Amino acid sequence: MLTALVQSERLVRYHIVPIIVHGPDMELQLQTAHELCDELECPLTVVDDRDAARLAGIHSVRDFFLGFEAHYPDTDIDFAWTWLLRRTLAAAARERTVPAVAIGANREDLLSEGFLRLARGLAPMPAPYRRIGSELFVYPMCEVPKKIGDGAYPRRSLDNYESRTPSVAAGRSTFYQLAYLLADQLPGMDMTLLAGFSDLGAEIAAQQEPIVLDVELGDHIADRMSDGEQRERWRAFLAEVRAD
C-alpha cells in the first residue's frame, strides 16, 4: 500500500505518515517496515507498547492480548489486533492532525466483509471511504487482489504468512474462501460485486451511519452485527484491560 501511495504521485511524499505498532513477536514485521520505508524515503513512525497502550486507552498491550486469549480462546488473535490497530491509528492521526487513516484491506477483505453483511441481512459497508467516529478510514487497495499485492514483494509476503498464527475462526474463513473461489471460478465477477457492494454501502451510509457509538462500551461498533450477549462479553473484557 505504501509503495502504491508513493508511486501514484497523487500525494506529496512528506504528507504520508507510515506508522507501525510494535507489539509482541513483531521483530520481523518491524524490520520489513524499516526496509520498505527506507527504500521509499518515507520516515517510519514506530509506536511502542507503552505508547500504543496510551493511544488505545488500555493499561498494557501485553495484558490486553493475554486477556483476549483468556476471554476468547476459540477465536483468532487477529481480531484483537484489528481493534488495537484501529484505536491506535485513529488516536495517532488525531494527535498529528492527519486527515485520514489508510488501511491495506484488499479486494478479498472487502468482498468477504460484504458477504458476511449480506448473510446477516445488512447492507455492505461503504468503501473505499469509511468514517468511524471523527476519523476517516481509507482503503486504497480495495480493488487489488491479494495475489497481486503479495506478488509485488514475494519474499516479504512469504515471511509475513509464515509468521502468522493459524486461523481457527470458521465463520471468518468461510467468507474468505467464498471470495477467493468467486475470483477463481468467475473472473471479473468479484469486481462487479465489489462495485455493487460499494455503491450500495455508500447509499445506505448516506441515510444512516453503519458504524455507531455504543455508549455503554464507549466505543464504535458495526450496527446490528452483534447481540446483547456478545457485547456484554466484550464489555467484561474491556473492563479488565482499559486504563483507569
Protein backbone atom coordinates (compact mmCIF):
# COMPACT_ATOMS: atom_id res chain seq x y z
CA MET A 1 0.00 0.00 0.00
CA LEU A 2 2.78 2.43 0.91
CA THR A 3 4.58 1.76 -2.37
CA ALA A 4 1.36 2.34 -4.30
CA LEU A 5 0.64 5.60 -2.48
CA VAL A 6 4.13 6.95 -3.09
CA GLN A 7 4.34 5.88 -6.74
CA SER A 8 0.85 7.15 -7.55
CA GLU A 9 2.16 10.73 -7.14
CA ARG A 10 -1.34 11.73 -6.02
CA LEU A 11 0.01 12.58 -2.57
CA VAL A 12 3.01 14.65 -1.56
CA ARG A 13 5.52 12.16 -0.17
CA TYR A 14 6.13 14.03 3.08
CA HIS A 15 2.38 14.16 3.73
CA ILE A 16 2.35 10.35 4.07
CA VAL A 17 3.00 9.21 7.66
CA PRO A 18 3.80 5.47 7.81
CA ILE A 19 3.04 4.09 11.28
CA ILE A 20 3.64 0.62 12.69
CA VAL A 21 2.50 -0.59 16.09
CA HIS A 22 5.30 -2.68 17.59
CA GLY A 23 3.58 -5.40 19.55
CA PRO A 24 4.65 -8.83 20.85
CA ASP A 25 6.68 -11.02 18.45
CA MET A 26 6.79 -8.39 15.70
CA GLU A 27 10.54 -8.08 15.13
CA LEU A 28 10.29 -9.41 11.56
CA GLN A 29 7.43 -7.06 10.65
CA LEU A 30 9.33 -4.13 12.17
CA GLN A 31 12.44 -4.95 10.15
CA THR A 32 10.38 -5.22 6.95
CA ALA A 33 8.68 -1.88 7.64
CA HIS A 34 12.04 -0.17 8.18
CA GLU A 35 13.44 -1.65 4.94
CA LEU A 36 10.43 -0.58 2.90
CA CYS A 37 10.26 2.93 4.33
CA ASP A 38 14.00 3.41 3.78
CA GLU A 39 13.60 2.34 0.14
CA LEU A 40 10.71 4.77 -0.36
CA GLU A 41 12.35 7.57 1.65
CA CYS A 42 9.36 7.81 3.99
CA PRO A 43 10.38 8.08 7.66
CA LEU A 44 8.73 5.34 9.71
CA THR A 45 6.98 6.14 12.98
CA VAL A 46 7.18 3.23 15.41
CA VAL A 47 4.56 3.20 18.15
CA ASP A 48 5.97 1.12 21.01
CA ASP A 49 3.98 -0.92 23.53
CA ARG A 50 3.66 1.90 26.03
CA ASP A 51 2.52 4.50 23.50
CA ALA A 52 0.13 2.04 21.86
CA ALA A 53 -1.49 1.37 25.23
CA ARG A 54 -1.86 5.10 25.85
CA LEU A 55 -3.38 5.75 22.42
CA ALA A 56 -5.76 2.78 22.60
CA GLY A 57 -6.82 3.56 26.18
CA ILE A 58 -5.59 0.31 27.75
CA HIS A 59 -3.14 -0.15 30.60
CA SER A 60 -0.88 -2.69 28.87
CA VAL A 61 -0.59 -4.19 25.39
CA ARG A 62 0.75 -7.42 26.85
CA ASP A 63 -2.16 -7.73 29.30
CA PHE A 64 -4.58 -6.82 26.51
CA PHE A 65 -3.51 -9.81 24.40
CA LEU A 66 -3.34 -12.16 27.39
CA GLY A 67 -6.81 -11.06 28.43
CA PHE A 68 -8.17 -11.53 24.92
CA GLU A 69 -6.82 -15.08 24.74
CA ALA A 70 -8.39 -15.84 28.12
CA HIS A 71 -11.82 -14.40 27.19
CA TYR A 72 -11.79 -15.67 23.58
CA PRO A 73 -9.78 -18.92 23.50
CA ASP A 74 -11.71 -20.18 20.48
CA THR A 75 -11.00 -17.33 18.06
CA ASP A 76 -8.18 -15.62 16.15
CA ILE A 77 -5.78 -13.18 17.79
CA ASP A 78 -6.14 -11.13 14.57
CA PHE A 79 -9.44 -9.80 15.92
CA ALA A 80 -7.61 -8.29 18.90
CA TRP A 81 -5.00 -6.81 16.59
CA THR A 82 -7.71 -5.24 14.41
CA TRP A 83 -9.25 -3.49 17.41
CA LEU A 84 -5.90 -2.34 18.78
CA LEU A 85 -4.67 -1.03 15.42
CA ARG A 86 -7.90 0.81 14.69
CA ARG A 87 -7.87 2.54 18.09
CA THR A 88 -4.15 3.30 17.99
CA LEU A 89 -4.04 4.61 14.42
CA ALA A 90 -7.15 6.75 14.91
CA ALA A 91 -5.69 8.34 18.04
CA ALA A 92 -2.29 8.81 16.37
CA ALA A 93 -3.98 10.54 13.43
CA ARG A 94 -5.82 12.90 15.78
CA GLU A 95 -2.61 13.81 17.62
CA ARG A 96 -0.78 14.50 14.36
CA THR A 97 -3.79 16.22 12.71
CA VAL A 98 -3.59 13.71 9.85
CA PRO A 99 -6.91 13.88 7.95
CA ALA A 100 -7.27 10.18 7.10
CA VAL A 101 -6.04 6.71 8.10
CA ALA A 102 -5.13 4.43 5.18
CA ILE A 103 -5.62 0.69 5.70
CA GLY A 104 -4.29 -2.03 3.39
CA ALA A 105 -7.52 -4.04 3.09
CA ASN A 106 -7.60 -5.73 -0.34
CA ARG A 107 -10.30 -6.99 -2.68
CA GLU A 108 -10.92 -10.25 -0.82
CA ASP A 109 -11.07 -8.45 2.53
CA LEU A 110 -13.86 -6.17 1.30
CA LEU A 111 -15.69 -8.94 -0.55
CA SER A 112 -15.70 -11.31 2.43
CA GLU A 113 -16.92 -8.49 4.66
CA GLY A 114 -19.69 -7.75 2.16
CA PHE A 115 -20.76 -11.40 2.04
CA LEU A 116 -20.86 -11.53 5.84
CA ARG A 117 -23.02 -8.40 5.98
CA LEU A 118 -25.44 -9.78 3.38
CA ALA A 119 -25.67 -13.07 5.28
CA ARG A 120 -26.78 -11.02 8.30
CA GLY A 121 -29.40 -9.20 6.22
CA LEU A 122 -27.43 -5.95 6.25
CA ALA A 123 -26.09 -3.71 3.51
CA PRO A 124 -22.33 -3.80 2.86
CA MET A 125 -20.11 -1.20 4.46
CA PRO A 126 -19.08 1.80 2.35
CA ALA A 127 -15.68 1.61 0.64
CA PRO A 128 -13.09 2.88 -0.14
CA TYR A 129 -14.02 5.65 2.32
CA ARG A 130 -15.46 4.85 5.73
CA ARG A 131 -15.95 7.10 8.73
CA ILE A 132 -15.53 5.68 12.23
CA GLY A 133 -16.44 8.40 14.69
CA SER A 134 -14.48 11.52 13.78
CA GLU A 135 -11.82 9.65 11.78
CA LEU A 136 -11.94 8.90 8.07
CA PHE A 137 -10.58 5.46 7.16
CA VAL A 138 -9.49 4.92 3.56
CA TYR A 139 -8.87 1.63 1.73
CA PRO A 140 -6.64 2.47 -1.27
CA MET A 141 -6.04 -1.22 -2.12
CA CYS A 142 -9.68 -2.30 -2.04
CA GLU A 143 -9.72 -3.29 -5.73
CA VAL A 144 -6.35 -5.07 -5.67
CA PRO A 145 -6.43 -8.90 -5.33
CA LYS A 146 -4.28 -10.31 -2.54
CA LYS A 147 -2.24 -12.28 -5.08
CA ILE A 148 -1.20 -9.08 -6.85
CA GLY A 149 -0.25 -7.40 -3.60
CA ASP A 150 1.74 -10.43 -2.48
CA GLY A 151 3.39 -10.67 -5.87
CA ALA A 152 4.85 -7.18 -5.53
CA TYR A 153 7.08 -8.37 -2.67
CA PRO A 154 7.17 -12.21 -2.75
CA ARG A 155 9.86 -12.69 -0.08
CA ARG A 156 8.30 -10.25 2.35
CA SER A 157 4.86 -11.71 1.76
CA LEU A 158 6.14 -15.23 2.42
CA ASP A 159 7.84 -14.08 5.63
CA ASN A 160 4.60 -12.42 6.69
CA TYR A 161 2.47 -15.54 6.13
CA GLU A 162 4.98 -17.86 7.82
CA SER A 163 4.97 -15.68 10.95
CA ARG A 164 1.18 -15.69 11.28
CA THR A 165 -0.77 -17.87 13.66
CA PRO A 166 -3.25 -20.34 12.09
CA SER A 167 -6.85 -19.17 11.81
CA VAL A 168 -9.39 -21.06 13.90
CA ALA A 169 -12.41 -18.80 13.21
CA ALA A 170 -14.54 -20.98 10.95
CA GLY A 171 -17.05 -18.26 10.04
CA ARG A 172 -14.34 -15.82 9.02
CA SER A 173 -12.59 -18.48 6.90
CA THR A 174 -15.83 -19.44 5.17
CA PHE A 175 -16.49 -15.97 3.78
CA TYR A 176 -12.85 -15.51 2.75
CA GLN A 177 -12.97 -18.84 0.92
CA LEU A 178 -16.10 -17.70 -0.89
CA ALA A 179 -14.31 -14.53 -2.03
CA TYR A 180 -11.33 -16.50 -3.35
CA LEU A 181 -13.49 -19.10 -5.11
CA LEU A 182 -15.51 -16.40 -6.82
CA ALA A 183 -12.40 -14.82 -8.34
CA ASP A 184 -11.06 -18.22 -9.49
CA GLN A 185 -14.28 -19.60 -10.93
CA LEU A 186 -15.84 -16.42 -12.36
CA PRO A 187 -13.06 -13.95 -13.17
CA GLY A 188 -14.36 -10.40 -13.16
CA MET A 189 -17.46 -11.19 -11.14
CA ASP A 190 -15.60 -10.29 -7.95
CA MET A 191 -15.05 -6.77 -9.27
CA THR A 192 -18.67 -6.49 -10.37
CA LEU A 193 -19.88 -7.49 -6.92
CA LEU A 194 -17.37 -5.26 -5.18
CA ALA A 195 -18.56 -2.25 -7.18
CA GLY A 196 -22.15 -3.10 -6.28
CA PHE A 197 -21.26 -3.53 -2.63
CA SER A 198 -19.50 -0.16 -2.59
CA ASP A 199 -22.38 1.69 -4.26
CA LEU A 200 -24.99 0.10 -2.01
CA GLY A 201 -22.91 0.70 1.10
CA ALA A 202 -22.39 4.38 0.26
CA GLU A 203 -26.10 4.85 -0.50
CA ILE A 204 -27.20 3.31 2.79
CA ALA A 205 -24.49 5.13 4.78
CA ALA A 206 -25.75 8.46 3.42
CA GLN A 207 -29.06 7.74 5.17
CA GLN A 208 -27.80 6.05 8.33
CA GLU A 209 -24.27 5.55 9.62
CA PRO A 210 -23.46 1.79 9.72
CA ILE A 211 -20.81 2.30 12.45
CA VAL A 212 -22.27 3.79 15.60
CA LEU A 213 -21.12 4.74 19.08
CA ASP A 214 -22.14 2.27 21.76
CA VAL A 215 -22.29 4.46 24.85
CA GLU A 216 -22.06 1.56 27.30
CA LEU A 217 -18.99 0.16 25.54
CA GLY A 218 -17.51 3.59 25.00
CA ASP A 219 -16.53 2.51 21.50
CA HIS A 220 -17.79 2.41 17.94
CA ILE A 221 -19.32 -0.82 16.63
CA ALA A 222 -20.94 -2.02 13.41
CA ASP A 223 -24.66 -1.54 13.88
CA ARG A 224 -26.72 -4.74 14.31
CA MET A 225 -23.69 -7.02 13.87
CA SER A 226 -23.70 -8.27 17.47
CA ASP A 227 -26.24 -9.27 20.09
CA GLY A 228 -26.50 -8.25 23.72
CA GLU A 229 -24.65 -11.31 24.99
CA GLN A 230 -21.70 -10.66 22.66
CA ARG A 231 -21.50 -7.01 23.69
CA GLU A 232 -21.66 -7.93 27.37
CA ARG A 233 -18.80 -10.40 26.88
CA TRP A 234 -16.72 -7.70 25.14
CA ARG A 235 -17.63 -5.16 27.83
CA ALA A 236 -16.38 -7.52 30.55
CA PHE A 237 -13.10 -7.97 28.68
CA LEU A 238 -12.60 -4.24 28.16
CA ALA A 239 -13.31 -3.58 31.84
CA GLU A 240 -10.23 -5.65 32.68
CA VAL A 241 -7.82 -4.12 30.18
CA ARG A 242 -8.85 -0.46 29.92
CA ALA A 243 -6.79 2.21 31.60
CA ASP A 244 -8.32 3.80 34.70
